[in-house]
Amino acid sequence: MFTSVLMIEQPLTPVDVDFVTTLHGDEPVSFIVLMQPRGDRDRLLRAIDDVALGELPEAIREGDEPEGEAARGPAELAIEHSLASLRAKGAKAVGQIVDEHPLDKLKAVVDETNADEVIVLTAPHYVEEFFHRDWASRARHKVGVPVLKLFAHKE
């Protein structure tokens, strides 16, 4: 069985689920899903990305996003939805919310599970990607397995 650690920041869409569950053809796949609740620390970068994508209403709504403990409830719903969607496609899937130090947690999970790869599935983050500060770029230097960067779809 092929094991992938899947880092997400929003619920998986049906297109995302179809894509990640078919990446390895007919080989059975197991996912460990890590999700970090959105919070205040990256709000400005998300707003800049929204402006760069021409999504001005989204940039304005960034200030309305829940943060801290208030962000945990939506994150728990998102990860439960994502795990159920992966399981419905026949994949094994477990997951957890990552409150702090997501890259340290990613490294620990990869080591503990002997994962074959990491898939980072996020919205485009142009500022972070330009400076190689996005999750995928930083994970490539930390985890010791291949890291695949994919852009999440919107419903």
C-alpha atoms as a PDB file:
ATOM      1  CA  MET A   1       0.000   0.000   0.000  1.00  0.00           C
ATOM      2  CA  PHE A   2       1.217   3.480  -0.937  1.00  0.00           C
ATOM      3  CA  THR A   3       1.112   5.968   1.947  1.00  0.00           C
ATOM      4  CA  SER A   4       0.745   9.709   1.350  1.00  0.00           C
ATOM      5  CA  VAL A   5       0.740  12.483   3.908  1.00  0.00           C
ATOM      6  CA  LEU A   6      -1.703  15.061   2.603  1.00  0.00           C
ATOM      7  CA  MET A   7      -1.389  18.632   3.901  1.00  0.00           C
ATOM      8  CA  ILE A   8      -4.501  20.712   3.325  1.00  0.00           C
ATOM      9  CA  GLU A   9      -5.864  24.103   4.377  1.00  0.00           C
ATOM     10  CA  GLN A  10      -9.455  23.749   3.172  1.00  0.00           C
ATOM     11  CA  PRO A  11     -11.919  20.868   2.680  1.00  0.00           C
ATOM     12  CA  LEU A  12     -11.168  18.643  -0.275  1.00  0.00           C
ATOM     13  CA  THR A  13     -13.428  19.161  -3.269  1.00  0.00           C
ATOM     14  CA  PRO A  14     -14.670  16.168  -5.303  1.00  0.00           C
ATOM     15  CA  VAL A  15     -12.139  17.079  -8.030  1.00  0.00           C
ATOM     16  CA  ASP A  16      -9.299  17.093  -5.480  1.00  0.00           C
ATOM     17  CA  VAL A  17     -10.401  13.735  -4.063  1.00  0.00           C
ATOM     18  CA  ASP A  18     -10.590  12.172  -7.523  1.00  0.00           C
ATOM     19  CA  PHE A  19      -7.162  13.506  -8.385  1.00  0.00           C
ATOM     20  CA  VAL A  20      -5.262  12.423  -5.271  1.00  0.00           C
ATOM     21  CA  THR A  21      -6.917   8.998  -5.128  1.00  0.00           C
ATOM     22  CA  THR A  22      -5.945   8.219  -8.732  1.00  0.00           C
ATOM     23  CA  LEU A  23      -2.386   9.571  -8.707  1.00  0.00           C
ATOM     24  CA  HIS A  24      -0.955   6.060  -8.380  1.00  0.00           C
ATOM     25  CA  GLY A  25      -3.283   4.214 -10.713  1.00  0.00           C
ATOM     26  CA  ASP A  26      -4.871   1.100  -9.250  1.00  0.00           C
ATOM     27  CA  GLU A  27      -2.420   0.794  -6.341  1.00  0.00           C
ATOM     28  CA  PRO A  28      -4.184   0.968  -2.956  1.00  0.00           C
ATOM     29  CA  VAL A  29      -3.538   4.283  -1.212  1.00  0.00           C
ATOM     30  CA  SER A  30      -3.549   5.319   2.417  1.00  0.00           C
ATOM     31  CA  PHE A  31      -3.720   8.984   3.442  1.00  0.00           C
ATOM     32  CA  ILE A  32      -2.702  10.750   6.613  1.00  0.00           C
ATOM     33  CA  VAL A  33      -4.348  14.153   6.341  1.00  0.00           C
ATOM     34  CA  LEU A  34      -2.926  17.129   8.234  1.00  0.00           C
ATOM     35  CA  MET A  35      -4.883  20.347   8.366  1.00  0.00           C
ATOM     36  CA  GLN A  36      -3.856  23.614   9.944  1.00  0.00           C
ATOM     37  CA  PRO A  37      -6.717  25.935  10.861  1.00  0.00           C
ATOM     38  CA  ARG A  38      -6.499  29.268   9.114  1.00  0.00           C
ATOM     39  CA  GLY A  39      -5.506  32.031  11.424  1.00  0.00           C
ATOM     40  CA  ASP A  40      -4.285  35.561  11.824  1.00  0.00           C
ATOM     41  CA  ARG A  41      -0.619  34.859  11.107  1.00  0.00           C
ATOM     42  CA  ASP A  42      -1.014  34.554   7.332  1.00  0.00           C
ATOM     43  CA  ARG A  43      -4.016  36.830   6.785  1.00  0.00           C
ATOM     44  CA  LEU A  44      -2.046  39.596   5.012  1.00  0.00           C
ATOM     45  CA  LEU A  45      -0.368  37.130   2.633  1.00  0.00           C
ATOM     46  CA  ARG A  46      -3.756  35.569   1.782  1.00  0.00           C
ATOM     47  CA  ALA A  47      -5.189  39.015   1.050  1.00  0.00           C
ATOM     48  CA  ILE A  48      -2.249  39.839  -1.245  1.00  0.00           C
ATOM     49  CA  ASP A  49      -2.732  36.519  -3.047  1.00  0.00           C
ATOM     50  CA  ASP A  50      -6.444  37.263  -3.479  1.00  0.00           C
ATOM     51  CA  VAL A  51      -5.639  40.659  -4.988  1.00  0.00           C
ATOM     52  CA  ALA A  52      -3.044  39.068  -7.308  1.00  0.00           C
ATOM     53  CA  LEU A  53      -5.703  36.615  -8.508  1.00  0.00           C
ATOM     54  CA  GLY A  54      -8.177  39.448  -9.083  1.00  0.00           C
ATOM     55  CA  GLU A  55     -10.441  38.223  -6.295  1.00  0.00           C
ATOM     56  CA  LEU A  56     -11.025  41.521  -4.502  1.00  0.00           C
ATOM     57  CA  PRO A  57     -14.127  40.386  -2.580  1.00  0.00           C
ATOM     58  CA  GLU A  58     -12.091  37.492  -1.172  1.00  0.00           C
ATOM     59  CA  ALA A  59      -9.336  39.881  -0.073  1.00  0.00           C
ATOM     60  CA  ILE A  60     -11.890  41.964   1.820  1.00  0.00           C
ATOM     61  CA  ARG A  61     -13.398  38.881   3.500  1.00  0.00           C
ATOM     62  CA  GLU A  62      -9.993  37.775   4.869  1.00  0.00           C
ATOM     63  CA  GLY A  63     -10.644  40.044   7.867  1.00  0.00           C
ATOM     64  CA  ASP A  64     -13.823  38.094   8.655  1.00  0.00           C
ATOM     65  CA  GLU A  65     -12.082  34.706   8.962  1.00  0.00           C
ATOM     66  CA  PRO A  66     -12.204  33.090  12.406  1.00  0.00           C
ATOM     67  CA  GLU A  67      -8.908  32.742  14.220  1.00  0.00           C
ATOM     68  CA  GLY A  68      -7.514  30.856  17.186  1.00  0.00           C
ATOM     69  CA  GLU A  69     -10.023  28.542  18.873  1.00  0.00           C
ATOM     70  CA  ALA A  70     -12.816  29.921  16.674  1.00  0.00           C
ATOM     71  CA  ALA A  71     -11.010  28.499  13.615  1.00  0.00           C
ATOM     72  CA  ARG A  72     -10.778  25.018  15.111  1.00  0.00           C
ATOM     73  CA  GLY A  73     -14.480  24.149  14.673  1.00  0.00           C
ATOM     74  CA  PRO A  74     -14.547  24.836  10.931  1.00  0.00           C
ATOM     75  CA  ALA A  75     -11.215  23.006  10.565  1.00  0.00           C
ATOM     76  CA  GLU A  76     -12.598  19.915  12.318  1.00  0.00           C
ATOM     77  CA  LEU A  77     -15.623  19.899  10.010  1.00  0.00           C
ATOM     78  CA  ALA A  78     -13.350  20.331   6.993  1.00  0.00           C
ATOM     79  CA  ILE A  79     -11.065  17.459   7.923  1.00  0.00           C
ATOM     80  CA  GLU A  80     -13.988  15.136   8.722  1.00  0.00           C
ATOM     81  CA  HIS A  81     -15.551  15.963   5.337  1.00  0.00           C
ATOM     82  CA  SER A  82     -12.214  15.360   3.598  1.00  0.00           C
ATOM     83  CA  LEU A  83     -11.592  12.027   5.356  1.00  0.00           C
ATOM     84  CA  ALA A  84     -15.113  10.807   4.529  1.00  0.00           C
ATOM     85  CA  SER A  85     -14.631  11.800   0.881  1.00  0.00           C
ATOM     86  CA  LEU A  86     -11.331   9.920   0.637  1.00  0.00           C
ATOM     87  CA  ARG A  87     -12.825   6.833   2.283  1.00  0.00           C
ATOM     88  CA  ALA A  88     -15.805   6.948  -0.087  1.00  0.00           C
ATOM     89  CA  LYS A  89     -13.308   6.564  -2.941  1.00  0.00           C
ATOM     90  CA  GLY A  90     -11.871   3.438  -1.303  1.00  0.00           C
ATOM     91  CA  ALA A  91      -8.775   4.950   0.270  1.00  0.00           C
ATOM     92  CA  LYS A  92      -7.765   4.461   3.870  1.00  0.00           C
ATOM     93  CA  ALA A  93      -7.683   7.855   5.566  1.00  0.00           C
ATOM     94  CA  VAL A  94      -6.913   9.222   8.999  1.00  0.00           C
ATOM     95  CA  GLY A  95      -6.169  12.778   9.931  1.00  0.00           C
ATOM     96  CA  GLN A  96      -5.712  15.469  12.493  1.00  0.00           C
ATOM     97  CA  ILE A  97      -5.696  19.192  13.056  1.00  0.00           C
ATOM     98  CA  VAL A  98      -2.241  20.708  13.402  1.00  0.00           C
ATOM     99  CA  ASP A  99      -2.367  23.731  15.676  1.00  0.00           C
ATOM    100  CA  GLU A 100       1.288  24.711  15.733  1.00  0.00           C
ATOM    101  CA  HIS A 101       4.517  23.903  13.918  1.00  0.00           C
ATOM    102  CA  PRO A 102       2.966  22.147  10.905  1.00  0.00           C
ATOM    103  CA  LEU A 103       6.308  21.272   9.311  1.00  0.00           C
ATOM    104  CA  ASP A 104       7.630  19.685  12.508  1.00  0.00           C
ATOM    105  CA  LYS A 105       4.422  17.653  12.737  1.00  0.00           C
ATOM    106  CA  LEU A 106       4.729  16.722   9.063  1.00  0.00           C
ATOM    107  CA  LYS A 107       8.286  15.427   9.593  1.00  0.00           C
ATOM    108  CA  ALA A 108       7.198  13.429  12.652  1.00  0.00           C
ATOM    109  CA  VAL A 109       4.245  11.868  10.794  1.00  0.00           C
ATOM    110  CA  VAL A 110       6.404  10.963   7.780  1.00  0.00           C
ATOM    111  CA  ASP A 111       8.959   9.321  10.071  1.00  0.00           C
ATOM    112  CA  GLU A 112       6.370   7.503  12.228  1.00  0.00           C
ATOM    113  CA  THR A 113       4.379   6.112   9.304  1.00  0.00           C
ATOM    114  CA  ASN A 114       7.210   5.534   6.807  1.00  0.00           C
ATOM    115  CA  ALA A 115       5.174   7.561   4.317  1.00  0.00           C
ATOM    116  CA  ASP A 116       6.133   7.308   0.655  1.00  0.00           C
ATOM    117  CA  GLU A 117       5.365  10.925  -0.230  1.00  0.00           C
ATOM    118  CA  VAL A 118       3.931  14.221   0.891  1.00  0.00           C
ATOM    119  CA  ILE A 119       1.215  15.989  -1.093  1.00  0.00           C
ATOM    120  CA  VAL A 120       0.692  19.665  -0.306  1.00  0.00           C
ATOM    121  CA  LEU A 121      -2.731  20.667  -1.619  1.00  0.00           C
ATOM    122  CA  THR A 122      -3.359  24.375  -1.116  1.00  0.00           C
ATOM    123  CA  ALA A 123      -4.642  27.451  -2.866  1.00  0.00           C
ATOM    124  CA  PRO A 124      -1.947  29.414  -4.742  1.00  0.00           C
ATOM    125  CA  HIS A 125       0.197  31.504  -2.405  1.00  0.00           C
ATOM    126  CA  TYR A 126       2.183  33.659  -4.792  1.00  0.00           C
ATOM    127  CA  VAL A 127       4.103  35.709  -2.237  1.00  0.00           C
ATOM    128  CA  GLU A 128       5.164  32.685  -0.192  1.00  0.00           C
ATOM    129  CA  GLU A 129       5.967  30.633  -3.293  1.00  0.00           C
ATOM    130  CA  PHE A 130       8.067  33.432  -4.793  1.00  0.00           C
ATOM    131  CA  PHE A 131      10.235  33.477  -1.669  1.00  0.00           C
ATOM    132  CA  HIS A 132      10.082  29.668  -1.269  1.00  0.00           C
ATOM    133  CA  ARG A 133       8.363  30.015   2.107  1.00  0.00           C
ATOM    134  CA  ASP A 134       5.303  27.922   1.196  1.00  0.00           C
ATOM    135  CA  TRP A 135       4.704  24.538   2.830  1.00  0.00           C
ATOM    136  CA  ALA A 136       5.882  22.510  -0.162  1.00  0.00           C
ATOM    137  CA  SER A 137       9.167  24.379  -0.593  1.00  0.00           C
ATOM    138  CA  ARG A 138       9.991  24.184   3.089  1.00  0.00           C
ATOM    139  CA  ALA A 139       8.897  20.539   3.379  1.00  0.00           C
ATOM    140  CA  ARG A 140      11.250  19.485   0.567  1.00  0.00           C
ATOM    141  CA  HIS A 141      14.173  20.397   2.815  1.00  0.00           C
ATOM    142  CA  LYS A 142      12.778  18.649   5.866  1.00  0.00           C
ATOM    143  CA  VAL A 143      10.977  15.373   5.241  1.00  0.00           C
ATOM    144  CA  GLY A 144      13.259  13.147   3.171  1.00  0.00           C
ATOM    145  CA  VAL A 145      10.528  11.887   0.814  1.00  0.00           C
ATOM    146  CA  PRO A 146       9.190  13.327  -2.446  1.00  0.00           C
ATOM    147  CA  VAL A 147       6.932  16.360  -2.003  1.00  0.00           C
ATOM    148  CA  LEU A 148       4.253  17.093  -4.592  1.00  0.00           C
ATOM    149  CA  LYS A 149       2.695  20.571  -4.717  1.00  0.00           C
ATOM    150  CA  LEU A 150      -0.868  20.700  -6.053  1.00  0.00           C
ATOM    151  CA  PHE A 151      -3.337  23.556  -6.240  1.00  0.00           C
ATOM    152  CA  ALA A 152      -6.688  22.939  -4.608  1.00  0.00           C
ATOM    153  CA  HIS A 153      -9.879  23.446  -6.574  1.00  0.00           C
ATOM    154  CA  LYS A 154     -12.715  25.697  -5.491  1.00  0.00           C
ATOM    155  CA  GLU A 155     -16.284  24.457  -5.425  1.00  0.00           C
END
